[in-house]
C-alpha atoms as a PDB file:
ATOM      1  CA  MET A   1       4.804 -19.928   9.843  1.00  0.00           C
ATOM      2  CA  GLY A   2       3.152 -16.704   8.742  1.00  0.00           C
ATOM      3  CA  MET A   3       4.132 -13.688   6.857  1.00  0.00           C
ATOM      4  CA  ARG A   4       4.711  -9.812   7.868  1.00  0.00           C
ATOM      5  CA  ILE A   5       3.730  -7.519   4.706  1.00  0.00           C
ATOM      6  CA  GLY A   6       4.385  -3.828   5.243  1.00  0.00           C
ATOM      7  CA  VAL A   7       1.623  -1.625   3.311  1.00  0.00           C
ATOM      8  CA  ILE A   8       2.440   1.672   1.862  1.00  0.00           C
ATOM      9  CA  SER A   9       0.701   4.191  -0.590  1.00  0.00           C
ATOM     10  CA  ASP A  10       0.854   7.760  -1.724  1.00  0.00           C
ATOM     11  CA  THR A  11       4.479   8.544  -0.857  1.00  0.00           C
ATOM     12  CA  HIS A  12       4.554  11.279  -3.713  1.00  0.00           C
ATOM     13  CA  GLY A  13       8.403  10.918  -3.994  1.00  0.00           C
ATOM     14  CA  LEU A  14       8.965  10.996  -0.285  1.00  0.00           C
ATOM     15  CA  PHE A  15      11.000   8.249   1.342  1.00  0.00           C
ATOM     16  CA  ASP A  16      10.552   8.873   5.030  1.00  0.00           C
ATOM     17  CA  PRO A  17      13.600   7.204   6.953  1.00  0.00           C
ATOM     18  CA  ALA A  18      11.079   6.281   9.639  1.00  0.00           C
ATOM     19  CA  LEU A  19      10.041   3.404   7.358  1.00  0.00           C
ATOM     20  CA  LEU A  20      13.380   1.732   7.929  1.00  0.00           C
ATOM     21  CA  GLY A  21      12.069   1.017  11.659  1.00  0.00           C
ATOM     22  CA  HIS A  22       8.442   0.459  10.989  1.00  0.00           C
ATOM     23  CA  PHE A  23       9.248  -2.150   8.231  1.00  0.00           C
ATOM     24  CA  ARG A  24      12.020  -3.686   9.893  1.00  0.00           C
ATOM     25  CA  GLY A  25      11.754  -7.564   9.894  1.00  0.00           C
ATOM     26  CA  VAL A  26       8.999  -7.343   7.102  1.00  0.00           C
ATOM     27  CA  ASP A  27       8.706 -10.235   4.419  1.00  0.00           C
ATOM     28  CA  ARG A  28       7.478  -8.240   1.719  1.00  0.00           C
ATOM     29  CA  ILE A  29       6.314  -4.612   1.083  1.00  0.00           C
ATOM     30  CA  ILE A  30       3.327  -3.772  -1.141  1.00  0.00           C
ATOM     31  CA  HIS A  31       3.219  -0.068  -2.130  1.00  0.00           C
ATOM     32  CA  ALA A  32      -0.662   0.757  -3.376  1.00  0.00           C
ATOM     33  CA  GLY A  33       0.660   3.694  -6.049  1.00  0.00           C
ATOM     34  CA  ASP A  34       1.090   7.180  -6.092  1.00  0.00           C
ATOM     35  CA  ILE A  35       4.845   6.457  -5.834  1.00  0.00           C
ATOM     36  CA  GLY A  36       6.032   9.675  -7.164  1.00  0.00           C
ATOM     37  CA  ASP A  37       9.823   8.682  -7.719  1.00  0.00           C
ATOM     38  CA  GLY A  38      11.513   5.547  -8.419  1.00  0.00           C
ATOM     39  CA  SER A  39      14.189   6.040  -5.678  1.00  0.00           C
ATOM     40  CA  VAL A  40      11.293   5.364  -2.988  1.00  0.00           C
ATOM     41  CA  ILE A  41      10.856   1.853  -4.544  1.00  0.00           C
ATOM     42  CA  GLU A  42      14.620   1.462  -4.498  1.00  0.00           C
ATOM     43  CA  ARG A  43      14.865   2.397  -0.875  1.00  0.00           C
ATOM     44  CA  LEU A  44      12.148   0.217   0.070  1.00  0.00           C
ATOM     45  CA  GLU A  45      13.706  -2.702  -2.058  1.00  0.00           C
ATOM     46  CA  ASP A  46      16.821  -2.279   0.665  1.00  0.00           C
ATOM     47  CA  ILE A  47      14.173  -3.426   3.094  1.00  0.00           C
ATOM     48  CA  ALA A  48      12.448  -6.270   1.541  1.00  0.00           C
ATOM     49  CA  PRO A  49      10.968  -7.385  -1.881  1.00  0.00           C
ATOM     50  CA  VAL A  50       8.549  -4.715  -3.094  1.00  0.00           C
ATOM     51  CA  ILE A  51       5.158  -5.280  -5.177  1.00  0.00           C
ATOM     52  CA  ALA A  52       3.877  -2.236  -6.380  1.00  0.00           C
ATOM     53  CA  VAL A  53       1.389  -0.513  -8.795  1.00  0.00           C
ATOM     54  CA  SER A  54       1.129   2.598 -10.318  1.00  0.00           C
ATOM     55  CA  GLY A  55      -1.159   5.370  -9.316  1.00  0.00           C
ATOM     56  CA  ASN A  56      -2.535   8.235 -10.995  1.00  0.00           C
ATOM     57  CA  ILE A  57       0.498  10.476 -10.711  1.00  0.00           C
ATOM     58  CA  ASP A  58       2.863   7.656 -11.892  1.00  0.00           C
ATOM     59  CA  ASP A  59       1.296   7.568 -15.503  1.00  0.00           C
ATOM     60  CA  GLY A  60       4.042   7.439 -17.921  1.00  0.00           C
ATOM     61  CA  GLN A  61       7.149   7.217 -15.633  1.00  0.00           C
ATOM     62  CA  SER A  62       9.976   5.205 -16.905  1.00  0.00           C
ATOM     63  CA  ASN A  63       9.833   2.926 -13.638  1.00  0.00           C
ATOM     64  CA  SER A  64       5.982   2.335 -14.212  1.00  0.00           C
ATOM     65  CA  PHE A  65       4.356  -0.610 -12.805  1.00  0.00           C
ATOM     66  CA  PRO A  66       0.890  -2.188 -13.651  1.00  0.00           C
ATOM     67  CA  PHE A  67      -2.287  -0.374 -12.520  1.00  0.00           C
ATOM     68  CA  GLU A  68      -3.474  -3.420 -10.815  1.00  0.00           C
ATOM     69  CA  THR A  69      -2.149  -6.818  -9.932  1.00  0.00           C
ATOM     70  CA  VAL A  70      -3.019  -9.892  -7.797  1.00  0.00           C
ATOM     71  CA  ILE A  71      -0.481 -11.889  -6.051  1.00  0.00           C
ATOM     72  CA  GLU A  72      -0.896 -14.967  -3.458  1.00  0.00           C
ATOM     73  CA  LEU A  73       1.154 -15.028  -0.303  1.00  0.00           C
ATOM     74  CA  GLU A  74       0.560 -17.596   2.303  1.00  0.00           C
ATOM     75  CA  GLY A  75      -2.393 -18.915   0.457  1.00  0.00           C
ATOM     76  CA  CYS A  76      -4.183 -15.560   0.361  1.00  0.00           C
ATOM     77  CA  ARG A  77      -5.367 -13.710  -2.972  1.00  0.00           C
ATOM     78  CA  ILE A  78      -4.106 -10.378  -2.735  1.00  0.00           C
ATOM     79  CA  ALA A  79      -5.534  -7.620  -5.149  1.00  0.00           C
ATOM     80  CA  VAL A  80      -3.513  -4.375  -5.187  1.00  0.00           C
ATOM     81  CA  ARG A  81      -5.075  -1.264  -7.069  1.00  0.00           C
ATOM     82  CA  HIS A  82      -4.561   2.357  -6.325  1.00  0.00           C
ATOM     83  CA  ILE A  83      -8.141   3.616  -7.016  1.00  0.00           C
ATOM     84  CA  VAL A  84     -10.820   1.570  -5.444  1.00  0.00           C
ATOM     85  CA  TYR A  85     -12.768   4.397  -3.606  1.00  0.00           C
ATOM     86  CA  GLU A  86     -13.755   7.636  -5.142  1.00  0.00           C
ATOM     87  CA  GLY A  87     -16.343   9.995  -3.809  1.00  0.00           C
ATOM     88  CA  GLY A  88     -16.892   7.374  -0.925  1.00  0.00           C
ATOM     89  CA  LYS A  89     -17.891   4.513  -3.147  1.00  0.00           C
ATOM     90  CA  ILE A  90     -16.121   1.606  -4.997  1.00  0.00           C
ATOM     91  CA  THR A  91     -15.678   2.663  -8.507  1.00  0.00           C
ATOM     92  CA  LYS A  92     -17.213   0.705 -11.389  1.00  0.00           C
ATOM     93  CA  ALA A  93     -13.641  -0.235 -12.632  1.00  0.00           C
ATOM     94  CA  ALA A  94     -12.490  -1.582  -9.366  1.00  0.00           C
ATOM     95  CA  GLN A  95     -15.691  -3.378  -8.513  1.00  0.00           C
ATOM     96  CA  ALA A  96     -15.363  -5.306 -12.127  1.00  0.00           C
ATOM     97  CA  PHE A  97     -11.751  -5.933 -10.925  1.00  0.00           C
ATOM     98  CA  LEU A  98     -12.842  -7.282  -7.466  1.00  0.00           C
ATOM     99  CA  ASP A  99     -15.549  -9.359  -8.870  1.00  0.00           C
ATOM    100  CA  ARG A 100     -13.115 -10.841 -11.578  1.00  0.00           C
ATOM    101  CA  GLU A 101     -10.413 -11.470  -9.256  1.00  0.00           C
ATOM    102  CA  GLN A 102     -12.105 -12.804  -6.145  1.00  0.00           C
ATOM    103  CA  PRO A 103      -9.272 -11.626  -3.695  1.00  0.00           C
ATOM    104  CA  ASP A 104      -9.101 -12.455   0.162  1.00  0.00           C
ATOM    105  CA  VAL A 105      -7.469  -9.010   0.489  1.00  0.00           C
ATOM    106  CA  CYS A 106      -7.656  -5.643  -1.426  1.00  0.00           C
ATOM    107  CA  ILE A 107      -5.040  -3.233  -0.823  1.00  0.00           C
ATOM    108  CA  PHE A 108      -5.309   0.386  -2.323  1.00  0.00           C
ATOM    109  CA  GLY A 109      -4.604   3.944  -1.627  1.00  0.00           C
ATOM    110  CA  HIS A 110      -5.593   7.280  -3.342  1.00  0.00           C
ATOM    111  CA  THR A 111      -7.740   8.759  -0.603  1.00  0.00           C
ATOM    112  CA  HIS A 112      -4.998   9.259   1.673  1.00  0.00           C
ATOM    113  CA  GLN A 113      -7.495   8.221   4.429  1.00  0.00           C
ATOM    114  CA  PRO A 114      -6.430   4.960   6.478  1.00  0.00           C
ATOM    115  CA  LYS A 115      -9.147   2.591   6.505  1.00  0.00           C
ATOM    116  CA  ILE A 116      -9.731  -1.203   7.374  1.00  0.00           C
ATOM    117  CA  GLY A 117     -12.880  -2.621   6.329  1.00  0.00           C
ATOM    118  CA  TRP A 118     -14.527  -5.910   4.995  1.00  0.00           C
ATOM    119  CA  ILE A 119     -16.899  -6.681   2.249  1.00  0.00           C
ATOM    120  CA  GLY A 120     -17.976 -10.119   3.217  1.00  0.00           C
ATOM    121  CA  ASN A 121     -14.886 -12.243   3.682  1.00  0.00           C
ATOM    122  CA  MET A 122     -12.645  -9.829   1.656  1.00  0.00           C
ATOM    123  CA  LEU A 123     -10.489  -7.310   4.010  1.00  0.00           C
ATOM    124  CA  LEU A 124     -10.015  -3.781   2.450  1.00  0.00           C
ATOM    125  CA  LEU A 125      -6.875  -1.916   3.775  1.00  0.00           C
ATOM    126  CA  ASN A 126      -5.911   1.484   2.734  1.00  0.00           C
ATOM    127  CA  PRO A 127      -2.690   2.230   4.728  1.00  0.00           C
ATOM    128  CA  GLY A 128      -3.422   6.105   4.081  1.00  0.00           C
ATOM    129  CA  SER A 129      -0.607   8.277   2.860  1.00  0.00           C
ATOM    130  CA  ALA A 130       3.265   8.111   3.851  1.00  0.00           C
ATOM    131  CA  GLY A 131       3.844  11.058   1.794  1.00  0.00           C
ATOM    132  CA  PRO A 132       4.093  14.737   2.609  1.00  0.00           C
ATOM    133  CA  LYS A 133       1.195  15.477   4.890  1.00  0.00           C
ATOM    134  CA  ARG A 134      -1.805  16.797   2.944  1.00  0.00           C
ATOM    135  CA  PHE A 135      -5.031  18.330   3.952  1.00  0.00           C
ATOM    136  CA  LYS A 136      -5.889  17.613   7.465  1.00  0.00           C
ATOM    137  CA  LEU A 137      -5.326  13.666   7.153  1.00  0.00           C
ATOM    138  CA  PRO A 138      -2.974  11.845   9.155  1.00  0.00           C
ATOM    139  CA  ARG A 139       0.377  10.189   7.786  1.00  0.00           C
ATOM    140  CA  SER A 140       0.147   6.518   8.269  1.00  0.00           C
ATOM    141  CA  LEU A 141       0.932   3.003   6.733  1.00  0.00           C
ATOM    142  CA  GLY A 142      -0.207  -0.263   7.287  1.00  0.00           C
ATOM    143  CA  MET A 143       0.950  -3.971   8.378  1.00  0.00           C
ATOM    144  CA  LEU A 144      -0.693  -7.116   7.306  1.00  0.00           C
ATOM    145  CA  PHE A 145       0.075 -10.267   9.050  1.00  0.00           C
ATOM    146  CA  ILE A 146      -1.118 -13.520   7.356  1.00  0.00           C
ATOM    147  CA  ARG A 147      -1.039 -17.050   9.063  1.00  0.00           C
ATOM    148  CA  ASN A 148      -2.990 -19.912   8.021  1.00  0.00           C
ATOM    149  CA  LYS A 149      -5.066 -17.843   5.810  1.00  0.00           C
ATOM    150  CA  THR A 150      -5.984 -15.687   8.873  1.00  0.00           C
ATOM    151  CA  ARG A 151      -5.526 -11.849   7.853  1.00  0.00           C
ATOM    152  CA  ARG A 152      -4.653  -9.308  10.732  1.00  0.00           C
ATOM    153  CA  PRO A 153      -4.435  -5.773   9.559  1.00  0.00           C
ATOM    154  CA  ARG A 154      -3.023  -2.896  11.484  1.00  0.00           C
ATOM    155  CA  LEU A 155      -2.721   0.804  10.868  1.00  0.00           C
ATOM    156  CA  ILE A 156       0.381   2.768  11.956  1.00  0.00           C
ATOM    157  CA  SER A 157       0.578   6.549  12.725  1.00  0.00           C
ATOM    158  CA  MET A 158       3.345   8.329  11.483  1.00  0.00           C
ATOM    159  CA  SER A 159       4.657  11.837  12.713  1.00  0.00           C
ATOM    160  CA  ASP A 160       3.062  14.840  10.630  1.00  0.00           C
ATOM    161  CA  ARG A 161       6.516  15.730   9.666  1.00  0.00           C
ATOM    162  CA  ALA A 162       8.675  13.372   7.659  1.00  0.00           C
ATOM    163  CA  GLU A 163      12.304  13.131   8.748  1.00  0.00           C
ATOM    164  CA  ILE A 164      14.310  14.237   5.809  1.00  0.00           C
ATOM    165  CA  SER A 165      17.654  12.326   4.829  1.00  0.00           C
ATOM    166  CA  ARG A 166      19.897  11.804   2.082  1.00  0.00           C
ATOM    167  CA  ARG A 167      20.685   8.189   0.908  1.00  0.00           C
ATOM    168  CA  SER A 168      24.010   7.292   2.077  1.00  0.00           C
END
């Protein structure tokens, strides 16, 4: 049957209404940290069930999520952690997490740089930042399609300017 998973990170408190269209019909949403405001998760939950981790800006918030988690969807182990890369290298803590968990997919954020890569048979997916535009990096999100343990990632560009709306 398969699953469509919306992948998002680094919203920094911004829920862009464009997410409603991008994530329409997904089975799950994974948020890889730097949520910034609990209302972002609430709005995402209106679309599909959300799995989230905390990022470095989320520390101490009442809606805190774990800093890392591993879930299984469609027979694939998916590790989610906000900080995996810093300075262009996998951090020691992230490497220890990946060595311990042996995931099929690692979803992460923090760098605001969209990335799809592979280490051996492990898919690495950073959806980039769906929050306010920062630096010269594009705003983006990701999709992950899993069927019969086959993993197909995709990056989706977003407008540089988020549409601003109030929740009705």
